[in-house]
Protein backbone atom coordinates (compact mmCIF):
# COMPACT_ATOMS: atom_id res chain seq x y z
CA UNK A 1 -52.13 16.93 -12.29
CA UNK A 2 -53.85 16.38 -15.72
CA UNK A 3 -57.54 15.70 -16.40
CA UNK A 4 -59.70 13.41 -14.30
CA UNK A 5 -62.77 12.44 -16.21
CA UNK A 6 -65.69 9.41 -15.82
CA UNK A 7 -66.00 8.02 -12.47
CA UNK A 8 -63.87 8.48 -9.48
CA UNK A 9 -63.29 4.77 -8.37
CA UNK A 10 -61.39 3.94 -5.40
CA UNK A 11 -58.46 2.69 -7.63
CA UNK A 12 -58.75 6.21 -9.16
CA UNK A 13 -58.40 7.92 -5.92
CA UNK A 14 -55.57 5.92 -5.03
CA UNK A 15 -53.75 6.83 -7.89
CA UNK A 16 -54.27 10.45 -7.52
CA UNK A 17 -53.31 10.50 -3.97
CA UNK A 18 -50.05 8.71 -4.70
CA UNK A 19 -49.35 11.16 -7.65
CA UNK A 20 -49.91 14.09 -4.99
CA UNK A 21 -47.94 12.63 -2.46
CA UNK A 22 -45.06 11.42 -4.72
CA UNK A 23 -45.07 15.22 -6.05
CA UNK A 24 -45.15 16.69 -2.48
CA UNK A 25 -42.07 14.30 -1.49
CA UNK A 26 -39.70 15.55 -4.31
CA UNK A 27 -40.94 19.16 -3.51
CA UNK A 28 -39.96 18.71 0.26
CA UNK A 29 -36.52 17.56 -1.06
CA UNK A 30 -36.18 20.65 -3.49
CA UNK A 31 -36.93 18.71 -6.63
CA UNK A 32 -39.82 19.09 -9.04
CA UNK A 33 -41.99 16.07 -10.57
CA UNK A 34 -44.05 17.63 -13.61
CA UNK A 35 -46.94 15.70 -15.43
CA UNK A 36 -45.85 13.97 -18.53
CA UNK A 37 -48.51 15.51 -20.94
CA UNK A 38 -48.43 12.78 -23.62
CA UNK A 39 -48.89 9.38 -22.08
CA UNK A 40 -46.12 7.08 -23.40
CA UNK A 41 -45.50 5.04 -20.76
CA UNK A 42 -44.04 7.51 -17.90
CA UNK A 43 -45.92 9.55 -15.42
CA UNK A 44 -43.46 12.39 -14.46
CA UNK A 45 -40.41 14.19 -15.53
CA UNK A 46 -38.18 14.79 -12.70
CA UNK A 47 -36.22 17.98 -12.65
CA UNK A 48 -33.13 18.25 -10.09
CA UNK A 49 -32.53 21.31 -8.31
CA UNK A 50 -29.65 21.94 -6.13
CA UNK A 51 -30.33 24.66 -3.15
CA UNK A 52 -33.08 26.08 -5.63
CA UNK A 53 -30.74 26.19 -8.76
CA UNK A 54 -31.87 24.05 -11.54
CA UNK A 55 -28.97 21.41 -12.16
CA UNK A 56 -29.92 20.78 -15.94
CA UNK A 57 -30.57 17.02 -15.19
CA UNK A 58 -33.82 15.19 -15.87
CA UNK A 59 -35.19 11.82 -15.49
CA UNK A 60 -38.46 10.01 -16.00
CA UNK A 61 -40.67 8.20 -13.51
CA UNK A 62 -43.13 5.45 -13.77
CA UNK A 63 -45.19 5.64 -10.58
CA UNK A 64 -47.34 2.63 -9.46
CA UNK A 65 -49.66 2.64 -5.99
CA UNK A 66 -50.21 0.40 -3.54
CA UNK A 67 -52.10 0.16 0.02
CA UNK A 68 -49.31 -2.06 1.34
CA UNK A 69 -46.02 -1.94 0.01
CA UNK A 70 -44.69 -4.86 2.03
CA UNK A 71 -47.60 -6.98 0.38
CA UNK A 72 -45.06 -7.17 -2.54
CA UNK A 73 -42.32 -8.48 -0.73
CA UNK A 74 -40.32 -11.50 -2.01
CA UNK A 75 -39.18 -14.32 0.69
CA UNK A 76 -36.17 -12.95 2.37
CA UNK A 77 -37.69 -9.43 2.84
CA UNK A 78 -34.99 -7.89 0.66
CA UNK A 79 -36.69 -7.10 -2.54
CA UNK A 80 -40.12 -6.21 -3.84
CA UNK A 81 -41.86 -7.78 -6.99
CA UNK A 82 -44.18 -6.21 -9.38
CA UNK A 83 -45.35 -7.02 -12.66
CA UNK A 84 -44.62 -4.58 -15.58
CA UNK A 85 -45.47 -4.57 -19.50
CA UNK A 86 -42.76 -6.20 -21.42
CA UNK A 87 -43.53 -3.29 -24.16
CA UNK A 88 -42.69 -0.69 -21.58
CA UNK A 89 -39.62 -2.39 -20.48
CA UNK A 90 -38.37 -2.40 -24.11
CA UNK A 91 -39.06 1.11 -24.69
CA UNK A 92 -37.38 2.41 -21.44
CA UNK A 93 -34.48 0.11 -22.12
CA UNK A 94 -33.79 2.54 -25.35
CA UNK A 95 -34.92 5.70 -23.78
CA UNK A 96 -32.52 8.63 -24.02
CA UNK A 97 -33.33 9.83 -20.48
CA UNK A 98 -32.85 7.51 -17.31
CA UNK A 99 -36.16 6.20 -16.31
CA UNK A 100 -36.88 5.30 -12.60
CA UNK A 101 -39.84 2.96 -11.46
CA UNK A 102 -41.28 4.04 -8.16
CA UNK A 103 -43.90 1.95 -6.27
CA UNK A 104 -45.61 4.01 -3.72
CA UNK A 105 -47.62 3.25 -0.57
CA UNK A 106 -50.22 5.62 -0.22
CA UNK A 107 -50.89 4.81 3.61
CA UNK A 108 -47.28 5.34 4.71
CA UNK A 109 -46.25 7.81 2.19
CA UNK A 110 -43.29 6.68 0.86
CA UNK A 111 -42.34 4.59 -2.09
CA UNK A 112 -39.38 2.32 -3.05
CA UNK A 113 -37.63 2.77 -6.39
CA UNK A 114 -35.56 0.82 -9.15
CA UNK A 115 -33.46 2.29 -12.08
CA UNK A 116 -34.99 0.44 -14.98
CA UNK A 117 -31.76 -0.50 -16.62
CA UNK A 118 -30.71 -2.30 -13.17
CA UNK A 119 -34.04 -3.84 -13.42
CA UNK A 120 -33.54 -5.28 -16.90
CA UNK A 121 -30.08 -6.40 -16.26
CA UNK A 122 -31.39 -8.40 -13.29
CA UNK A 123 -34.16 -9.76 -15.71
CA UNK A 124 -31.68 -10.80 -18.26
CA UNK A 125 -29.79 -12.86 -15.42
CA UNK A 126 -32.77 -14.38 -14.05
CA UNK A 127 -34.92 -15.07 -17.05
CA UNK A 128 -33.31 -15.13 -20.40
CA UNK A 129 -36.68 -15.50 -22.47
CA UNK A 130 -38.55 -12.55 -20.44
CA UNK A 131 -38.63 -10.36 -23.74
CA UNK A 132 -40.86 -13.00 -25.39
CA UNK A 133 -43.51 -12.37 -22.50
CA UNK A 134 -46.45 -10.00 -22.39
CA UNK A 135 -45.64 -9.06 -18.67
CA UNK A 136 -42.47 -9.36 -16.44
CA UNK A 137 -41.97 -9.23 -12.72
CA UNK A 138 -39.27 -6.65 -11.95
CA UNK A 139 -37.48 -6.55 -8.60
CA UNK A 140 -37.24 -3.44 -6.58
CA UNK A 141 -34.60 -3.23 -3.54
CA UNK A 142 -36.56 -2.67 -0.35
CA UNK A 143 -33.83 -0.53 0.76
CA UNK A 144 -34.02 1.67 -2.07
CA UNK A 145 -36.42 4.40 -0.35
CA UNK A 146 -37.97 7.74 -1.36
CA UNK A 147 -36.02 9.31 1.77
CA UNK A 148 -33.44 11.85 1.37
CA UNK A 149 -30.45 9.20 1.24
CA UNK A 150 -32.49 7.32 -1.25
CA UNK A 151 -32.91 10.44 -3.37
CA UNK A 152 -29.23 11.22 -2.81
CA UNK A 153 -28.38 7.71 -4.31
CA UNK A 154 -30.72 8.68 -7.32
CA UNK A 155 -29.01 12.15 -7.58
CA UNK A 156 -25.63 10.36 -7.87
CA UNK A 157 -26.47 7.92 -10.25
CA UNK A 158 -28.26 10.32 -12.71
CA UNK A 159 -25.07 12.65 -12.51
CA UNK A 160 -23.07 9.46 -13.35
CA UNK A 161 -25.20 9.09 -16.57
CA UNK A 162 -24.95 12.57 -18.01
CA UNK A 163 -21.17 13.17 -16.74
CA UNK A 164 -19.64 11.71 -20.18
CA UNK A 165 -21.76 14.13 -22.38
CA UNK A 166 -21.46 16.92 -20.01
CA UNK A 167 -17.75 16.70 -19.55
CA UNK A 168 -16.71 16.50 -23.05
CA UNK A 169 -14.18 18.94 -23.76
CA UNK A 170 -14.44 20.73 -20.56
CA UNK A 171 -11.28 20.67 -18.07
CA UNK A 172 -12.07 19.79 -14.62
CA UNK A 173 -10.42 22.48 -12.12
CA UNK A 174 -10.30 22.54 -8.46
CA UNK A 175 -9.20 25.82 -6.96
CA UNK A 176 -7.56 25.33 -3.65
CA UNK A 177 -5.55 27.20 -0.79
CA UNK A 178 -3.54 25.91 1.68
CA UNK A 179 -1.71 27.52 4.53
CA UNK A 180 1.00 25.48 6.75
CA UNK A 181 2.40 26.37 9.94
CA UNK A 182 5.98 26.91 10.28
CA UNK A 183 6.50 23.80 12.17
CA UNK A 184 8.07 20.40 11.34
CA UNK A 185 4.74 19.04 10.87
CA UNK A 186 3.57 21.78 8.86
CA UNK A 187 6.65 21.87 6.88
CA UNK A 188 6.67 18.08 6.29
CA UNK A 189 3.11 18.38 4.98
CA UNK A 190 4.05 21.18 2.74
CA UNK A 191 6.83 19.03 1.37
CA UNK A 192 4.53 16.08 1.13
CA UNK A 193 2.04 18.21 -1.17
CA UNK A 194 5.02 19.62 -3.49
CA UNK A 195 5.88 15.71 -4.05
CA UNK A 196 2.31 15.10 -5.26
CA UNK A 197 2.67 17.73 -7.76
CA UNK A 198 5.92 17.05 -8.93
CA UNK A 199 6.08 13.18 -8.56
CA UNK A 200 2.38 12.08 -8.19
CA UNK A 201 3.11 10.75 -4.76
CA UNK A 202 -0.02 10.46 -2.59
CA UNK A 203 -0.35 12.96 0.26
CA UNK A 204 -3.03 13.32 3.02
CA UNK A 205 -3.48 17.00 4.12
CA UNK A 206 -4.97 18.10 7.70
CA UNK A 207 -8.10 20.11 7.24
CA UNK A 208 -6.71 22.88 9.52
CA UNK A 209 -4.14 23.68 6.59
CA UNK A 210 -7.03 23.76 3.88
CA UNK A 211 -8.39 27.66 3.54
CA UNK A 212 -10.33 27.00 0.36
CA UNK A 213 -11.16 24.42 -2.10
CA UNK A 214 -13.72 25.02 -4.97
CA UNK A 215 -14.83 22.97 -8.18
CA UNK A 216 -15.31 23.93 -11.64
CA UNK A 217 -18.94 25.39 -11.99
CA UNK A 218 -19.95 22.83 -14.51
CA UNK A 219 -18.99 19.76 -12.22
CA UNK A 220 -20.54 21.26 -9.39
CA UNK A 221 -23.55 21.67 -11.24
CA UNK A 222 -23.56 18.11 -12.77
CA UNK A 223 -22.51 16.23 -9.69
CA UNK A 224 -23.99 18.44 -7.02
CA UNK A 225 -20.72 18.91 -5.29
CA UNK A 226 -20.35 21.83 -3.02
CA UNK A 227 -17.25 23.73 -1.85
CA UNK A 228 -15.81 21.80 0.89
CA UNK A 229 -15.30 23.60 4.27
CA UNK A 230 -12.87 21.54 6.15
CA UNK A 231 -12.59 21.32 9.85
CA UNK A 232 -9.69 20.70 11.80
CA UNK A 233 -10.39 17.08 12.12
CA UNK A 234 -11.10 16.80 8.74
CA UNK A 235 -8.63 15.68 5.80
CA UNK A 236 -7.81 15.79 2.14
CA UNK A 237 -6.28 12.73 0.50
CA UNK A 238 -4.64 13.32 -3.14
CA UNK A 239 -3.98 10.23 -4.92
CA UNK A 240 -1.50 9.76 -8.00
CA UNK A 241 -2.64 10.32 -11.52
CA UNK A 242 -2.70 6.77 -13.20
CA UNK A 243 -3.75 5.15 -16.46
CA UNK A 244 -7.03 2.98 -16.09
CA UNK A 245 -6.19 1.12 -19.45
CA UNK A 246 -2.51 -0.07 -19.79
CA UNK A 247 -1.13 0.26 -23.40
CA UNK A 248 0.69 -2.98 -25.05
CA UNK A 249 4.37 -2.32 -25.99
CA UNK A 250 7.36 -4.08 -27.35
CA UNK A 251 10.70 -3.34 -25.35
CA UNK A 252 13.96 -3.89 -26.74
CA UNK A 253 17.43 -3.03 -25.66
CA UNK A 254 19.59 -1.32 -28.23
CA UNK A 255 23.37 -1.25 -28.25
CA UNK A 256 25.20 1.99 -28.97
CA UNK A 257 25.87 0.65 -32.65
CA UNK A 258 21.71 0.42 -32.77
CA UNK A 259 21.86 -3.58 -32.52
CA UNK A 260 18.98 -4.86 -30.72
CA UNK A 261 20.53 -7.33 -28.29
CA UNK A 262 17.34 -8.61 -25.99
CA UNK A 263 13.74 -8.27 -26.26
CA UNK A 264 10.24 -8.60 -24.57
CA UNK A 265 8.14 -8.95 -27.20
CA UNK A 266 4.90 -7.97 -25.12
CA UNK A 267 4.27 -6.01 -21.97
CA UNK A 268 1.35 -4.11 -20.64
CA UNK A 269 2.51 -0.73 -19.34
CA UNK A 270 0.45 2.04 -17.51
CA UNK A 271 1.24 5.13 -15.63
CA UNK A 272 1.24 4.41 -12.16
CA UNK A 273 1.84 8.12 -10.89
CA UNK A 274 2.61 11.17 -12.70
CA UNK A 275 3.76 14.64 -11.64
CA UNK A 276 5.07 17.71 -13.45
CA UNK A 277 8.66 16.50 -13.16
CA UNK A 278 8.56 12.75 -12.69
CA UNK A 279 6.33 9.68 -14.08
CA UNK A 280 6.52 6.04 -13.04
CA UNK A 281 5.47 3.39 -15.66
CA UNK A 282 4.76 -0.41 -14.34
CA UNK A 283 3.16 -3.33 -15.74
CA UNK A 284 2.21 -4.43 -12.00
CA UNK A 285 -1.29 -5.37 -13.14
CA UNK A 286 -0.43 -7.63 -16.20
CA UNK A 287 -0.49 -11.44 -15.49
CA UNK A 288 2.97 -11.90 -16.41
CA UNK A 289 6.23 -13.76 -15.44
CA UNK A 290 8.15 -10.43 -14.63
CA UNK A 291 7.37 -7.04 -13.07
CA UNK A 292 9.04 -3.80 -14.58
CA UNK A 293 9.03 -0.26 -13.03
CA UNK A 294 10.67 2.57 -14.99
CA UNK A 295 10.87 6.33 -13.52
CA UNK A 296 11.30 8.82 -16.12
CA UNK A 297 12.50 12.51 -15.63
CA UNK A 298 9.93 14.46 -17.63
CA UNK A 299 12.23 17.48 -17.56
CA UNK A 300 15.32 15.94 -19.11
CA UNK A 301 13.24 12.93 -20.80
CA UNK A 302 15.65 10.68 -18.81
CA UNK A 303 15.52 7.39 -17.08
CA UNK A 304 15.99 7.91 -13.34
CA UNK A 305 15.55 4.21 -12.19
CA UNK A 306 14.61 0.75 -13.48
CA UNK A 307 13.56 -2.16 -11.33
CA UNK A 308 13.24 -5.28 -13.10
CA UNK A 309 12.02 -8.40 -10.90
CA UNK A 310 11.00 -12.04 -12.03
CA UNK A 311 7.69 -12.30 -10.39
CA UNK A 312 7.22 -16.02 -11.22
CA UNK A 313 8.91 -18.16 -13.66
CA UNK A 314 5.73 -19.47 -15.23
CA UNK A 315 5.56 -22.51 -17.75
CA UNK A 316 7.32 -20.92 -20.74
CA UNK A 317 11.03 -21.37 -20.13
CA UNK A 318 11.71 -19.81 -23.18
CA UNK A 319 10.18 -16.52 -21.84
CA UNK A 320 12.22 -17.32 -18.84
CA UNK A 321 15.45 -17.28 -20.98
CA UNK A 322 14.22 -14.07 -22.60
CA UNK A 323 13.91 -12.39 -19.06
CA UNK A 324 17.24 -13.57 -18.28
CA UNK A 325 18.96 -12.05 -21.58
CA UNK A 326 16.82 -8.93 -20.90
CA UNK A 327 18.22 -8.28 -17.53
CA UNK A 328 21.54 -9.10 -18.37
CA UNK A 329 21.61 -6.56 -21.52
CA UNK A 330 20.27 -3.68 -19.09
CA UNK A 331 23.92 -1.56 -19.26
CA UNK A 332 24.31 2.01 -19.20
CA UNK A 333 25.46 2.18 -22.70
CA UNK A 334 22.59 0.66 -24.13
CA UNK A 335 19.00 2.36 -24.95
CA UNK A 336 15.56 0.98 -23.82
CA UNK A 337 13.40 0.93 -26.77
CA UNK A 338 9.59 1.29 -26.55
CA UNK A 339 7.35 0.38 -29.23
CA UNK A 340 3.56 0.90 -29.09
CA UNK A 341 2.00 -2.15 -30.62
CA UNK A 342 -1.43 -0.35 -31.29
CA UNK A 343 0.19 3.28 -32.67
CA UNK A 344 3.52 1.92 -33.91
CA UNK A 345 5.07 4.97 -32.03
CA UNK A 346 8.67 4.33 -30.93
CA UNK A 347 10.30 5.94 -27.94
CA UNK A 348 14.03 5.53 -26.76
CA UNK A 349 15.11 6.02 -23.07
CA UNK A 350 18.69 5.79 -21.65
CA UNK A 351 19.33 3.10 -19.00
CA UNK A 352 20.77 4.64 -15.83
CA UNK A 353 23.98 3.21 -14.58
CA UNK A 354 22.17 1.69 -11.46
CA UNK A 355 19.16 -0.43 -11.55
CA UNK A 356 17.74 -3.18 -9.39
CA UNK A 357 16.53 -6.62 -9.58
CA UNK A 358 17.27 -10.24 -10.00
CA UNK A 359 20.92 -11.30 -10.40
CA UNK A 360 21.43 -14.61 -12.38
CA UNK A 361 24.58 -16.51 -11.84
CA UNK A 362 26.41 -17.95 -14.96
CA UNK A 363 25.55 -21.42 -13.52
CA UNK A 364 21.90 -20.81 -13.36
CA UNK A 365 21.79 -19.29 -16.68
CA UNK A 366 23.27 -22.49 -18.18
CA UNK A 367 20.77 -24.92 -16.37
CA UNK A 368 17.73 -22.57 -18.03
CA UNK A 369 19.44 -22.89 -21.37
CA UNK A 370 19.83 -26.52 -20.82
CA UNK A 371 16.19 -27.03 -19.72
CA UNK A 372 15.23 -25.10 -23.00
CA UNK A 373 17.28 -27.56 -25.06
CA UNK A 374 15.55 -30.64 -23.22
CA UNK A 375 12.15 -29.32 -23.69
CA UNK A 376 12.93 -28.76 -27.27
CA UNK A 377 14.72 -32.16 -27.91
CA UNK A 378 11.86 -34.29 -25.98
CA UNK A 379 8.78 -32.40 -26.38
CA UNK A 380 8.02 -32.62 -22.91
CA UNK A 381 6.44 -29.55 -21.40
CA UNK A 382 8.68 -28.64 -18.41
CA UNK A 383 7.55 -26.23 -15.48
CA UNK A 384 9.79 -23.99 -13.34
CA UNK A 385 7.37 -23.41 -10.43
CA UNK A 386 9.76 -21.20 -8.60
CA UNK A 387 13.25 -19.54 -9.20
CA UNK A 388 15.08 -22.21 -7.16
CA UNK A 389 16.71 -25.26 -8.90
CA UNK A 390 17.53 -28.09 -6.51
CA UNK A 391 20.57 -29.87 -6.45
CA UNK A 392 18.80 -33.06 -7.50
CA UNK A 393 17.24 -31.24 -10.33
CA UNK A 394 20.27 -29.75 -11.63
CA UNK A 395 21.93 -32.88 -11.78
CA UNK A 396 19.10 -34.45 -13.73
CA UNK A 397 19.28 -31.63 -15.97
CA UNK A 398 23.04 -32.17 -16.43
CA UNK A 399 22.63 -35.97 -17.07
CA UNK A 400 19.62 -35.13 -19.73
CA UNK A 401 21.48 -32.90 -21.80
CA UNK A 402 24.66 -35.48 -21.86
CA UNK A 403 22.16 -38.25 -23.08
CA UNK A 404 20.53 -36.13 -25.51
CA UNK A 405 23.65 -34.74 -27.18
CA UNK A 406 25.88 -38.00 -26.89
CA UNK A 407 23.79 -40.88 -26.27
CA UNK A 408 25.78 -42.10 -23.50
CA UNK A 409 25.99 -41.40 -19.47
CA UNK A 410 28.54 -42.79 -16.92
CA UNK A 411 26.74 -43.33 -13.68
CA UNK A 412 27.91 -44.65 -10.29
CA UNK A 413 26.03 -45.88 -7.46
CA UNK A 414 22.49 -46.32 -8.96
CA UNK A 415 19.94 -48.77 -8.81
CA UNK A 416 18.19 -50.26 -12.16
CA UNK A 417 15.12 -52.16 -11.89
CA UNK A 418 12.92 -53.99 -14.29
CA UNK A 419 11.12 -57.22 -15.64
CA UNK A 420 13.92 -59.44 -16.46
CA UNK A 421 13.48 -62.97 -18.62
CA UNK A 422 14.89 -66.31 -17.21
CA UNK A 423 17.60 -66.24 -19.93
CA UNK A 424 18.89 -63.09 -18.68
CA UNK A 425 18.95 -63.97 -14.96
CA UNK A 426 21.31 -67.05 -15.89
CA UNK A 427 23.48 -64.82 -18.04
CA UNK A 428 23.83 -62.49 -15.02
CA UNK A 429 24.93 -65.12 -12.63
CA UNK A 430 27.93 -66.02 -14.46
CA UNK A 431 31.24 -64.42 -13.84
CA UNK A 432 31.25 -63.65 -10.26
CA UNK A 433 34.25 -62.02 -8.83
CA UNK A 434 35.75 -62.78 -5.36
CA UNK A 435 34.33 -59.58 -3.93
CA UNK A 436 30.77 -60.56 -4.95
CA UNK A 437 30.84 -57.98 -7.70
CA UNK A 438 29.69 -58.91 -11.16
CA UNK A 439 30.19 -57.49 -14.62
CA UNK A 440 26.75 -57.06 -15.87
CA UNK A 441 25.74 -56.09 -19.65
CA UNK A 442 22.02 -55.92 -20.31
CA UNK A 443 19.33 -53.97 -22.15
CA UNK A 444 16.97 -51.66 -20.08
CA UNK A 445 13.73 -51.41 -22.16
CA UNK A 446 13.16 -47.79 -20.63
CA UNK A 447 15.19 -45.44 -18.99
CA UNK A 448 13.22 -42.63 -17.51
CA UNK A 449 14.64 -39.34 -15.58
CA UNK A 450 12.66 -37.29 -13.41
CA UNK A 451 13.36 -33.50 -13.66
CA UNK A 452 11.33 -30.77 -12.21
CA UNK A 453 8.65 -33.26 -11.24
CA UNK A 454 8.07 -34.41 -14.83
CA UNK A 455 9.08 -37.91 -15.66
CA UNK A 456 11.26 -38.12 -19.21
CA UNK A 457 11.06 -41.37 -20.83
CA UNK A 458 14.20 -41.99 -22.99
CA UNK A 459 13.61 -45.22 -24.45
CA UNK A 460 15.75 -48.60 -24.27
CA UNK A 461 19.38 -48.48 -23.08
CA UNK A 462 22.26 -50.79 -22.99
CA UNK A 463 23.82 -50.96 -19.58
CA UNK A 464 27.46 -52.34 -19.18
CA UNK A 465 29.06 -52.12 -15.82
CA UNK A 466 29.95 -53.52 -12.19
CA UNK A 467 27.38 -54.16 -9.86
CA UNK A 468 25.36 -56.65 -7.75
CA UNK A 469 21.78 -57.91 -7.13
CA UNK A 470 20.10 -56.28 -4.23
CA UNK A 471 19.46 -59.88 -2.78
CA UNK A 472 21.81 -62.98 -2.23
CA UNK A 473 22.96 -65.04 -5.09
CA UNK A 474 21.47 -67.71 -3.57
CA UNK A 475 17.96 -66.01 -3.63
CA UNK A 476 18.69 -65.25 -7.26
CA UNK A 477 19.26 -68.86 -7.93
CA UNK A 478 16.08 -70.25 -6.03
CA UNK A 479 13.99 -67.81 -7.97
CA UNK A 480 15.29 -68.56 -11.23
CA UNK A 481 14.89 -72.62 -10.80
CA UNK A 482 11.08 -71.62 -10.28
CA UNK A 483 10.87 -69.74 -13.36
CA UNK A 484 9.56 -71.14 -16.62
CA UNK A 485 11.24 -70.24 -19.81
CA UNK A 486 8.83 -67.44 -20.89
CA UNK A 487 8.67 -66.12 -17.21
CA UNK A 488 9.52 -62.59 -16.27
CA UNK A 489 10.45 -61.59 -12.76
CA UNK A 490 11.61 -58.14 -11.32
CA UNK A 491 15.06 -57.46 -11.00
CA UNK A 492 16.89 -54.74 -8.86
CA UNK A 493 20.52 -54.26 -9.80
CA UNK A 494 22.72 -51.87 -7.67
CA UNK A 495 25.47 -50.69 -10.13
CA UNK A 496 28.59 -49.34 -8.63
CA UNK A 497 29.83 -47.95 -11.99
CA UNK A 498 28.11 -48.45 -15.41
CA UNK A 499 28.04 -47.10 -18.77
CA UNK A 500 24.51 -46.28 -20.48
CA UNK A 501 24.27 -46.28 -24.18
CA UNK A 502 20.72 -45.02 -25.22
CA UNK A 503 19.49 -46.27 -28.57
CA UNK A 504 17.19 -43.22 -29.36
CA UNK A 505 19.73 -40.49 -28.79
CA UNK A 506 21.43 -38.26 -30.35
CA UNK A 507 18.31 -38.19 -32.89
CA UNK A 508 19.26 -38.65 -36.32
CA UNK A 509 19.05 -35.37 -38.60
CA UNK A 510 19.67 -33.10 -35.36
CA UNK A 511 22.95 -31.66 -34.95
CA UNK A 512 24.40 -31.46 -31.41
CA UNK A 513 24.16 -28.21 -29.77
């Protein structure tokens, strides 16, 4: 306990009682709290034992005492607050061993704890300038008690802290023994277990079929894990082996003559599951317009299946076009080429004769190509919100393509509206035929077309054709009579047939595509 000198004040008695009580608490649990001989900010070194065997894990403890732990409660009753020297917090932040702060109630003989790095993280979030102060108030969860459950949580966190260094260059082995009954259920579980090793498929094994389950000695020592004894009601779930971090690749499709016929510049691939005979690669966690899943036979190094789906079109029409070309190039006579962006390593896999995914009609591909052309020519950003293209949008795409390439468009049964001066109205009133239709010829200042929810302004156009006003000739004449020389009124003309000549298209210096 260390030396006690000078006057034994009430505060000193309280401190000594807290130390004795805390050490007794750890001893009852099977651990040891040893006094730190040189006082550099910690009171104890905690040593972890599992069933009397030392685990080789140590941590430091700073202990503070109180007569009423709940007097430190913050509003809400979920956290305690305690003032600590900032110098000590800074020292603990860089400590090689984990440090725990414990506030101990000497009356009720229990404490509440917090991992110091967690307390510092909370301070960083709440008080950015706390390092400039002499003291800072840390927060201790009231639920972090020094009972068995609380100490088990400390044990798990300390194991997590030491695991990277202890596990380095060590393999984790599990020795298990399974015995299955010769029944349909037993045979199915046996087959499922075989699949998890060969293909990486997950499996759940009933506890009655598990006779032995033991860990590597070093793993059991660090984590405190014990050999598992399964009951008939228990079960074991074995999940797939997966890559936590995906790897960036470029995917190419290469013809039999070695020519690259389609590419996807960037895809994040990871192993979704893997066994001794089969591995499944996917980009399902990537935020991408497409999803790809490739199943590889590891024994023959051949592709067993490919699934390629357009998950969402996204905002990039050019990317959509690349995806369509890529899917169209998936043919059994071609090769799938993987180039790792980081290591530059190149791997090639054959493409199986059968694969699944979206099928795109020639008409659909033609519309996407036209959309790319429209976007490139006009500078408008077009968004394909889903894979479907409506008939209305398809017609608008065709019209826009014709205008941008030829500068003209023949239309039927369309309404044209805009502001018109008195002289234009007078000229349009002339030439009425016996059927009430007129031959119109006038300039439209702007002719917009809407496609995929975006209105594209094409600029002025000359309209020549047969049509009529949307109101009677008498109403038009009365309106014109009221207009001054510089007045303008809204005009709506319904064209039965017309030709539109656009002044700005095709643009000079650009060749027709």
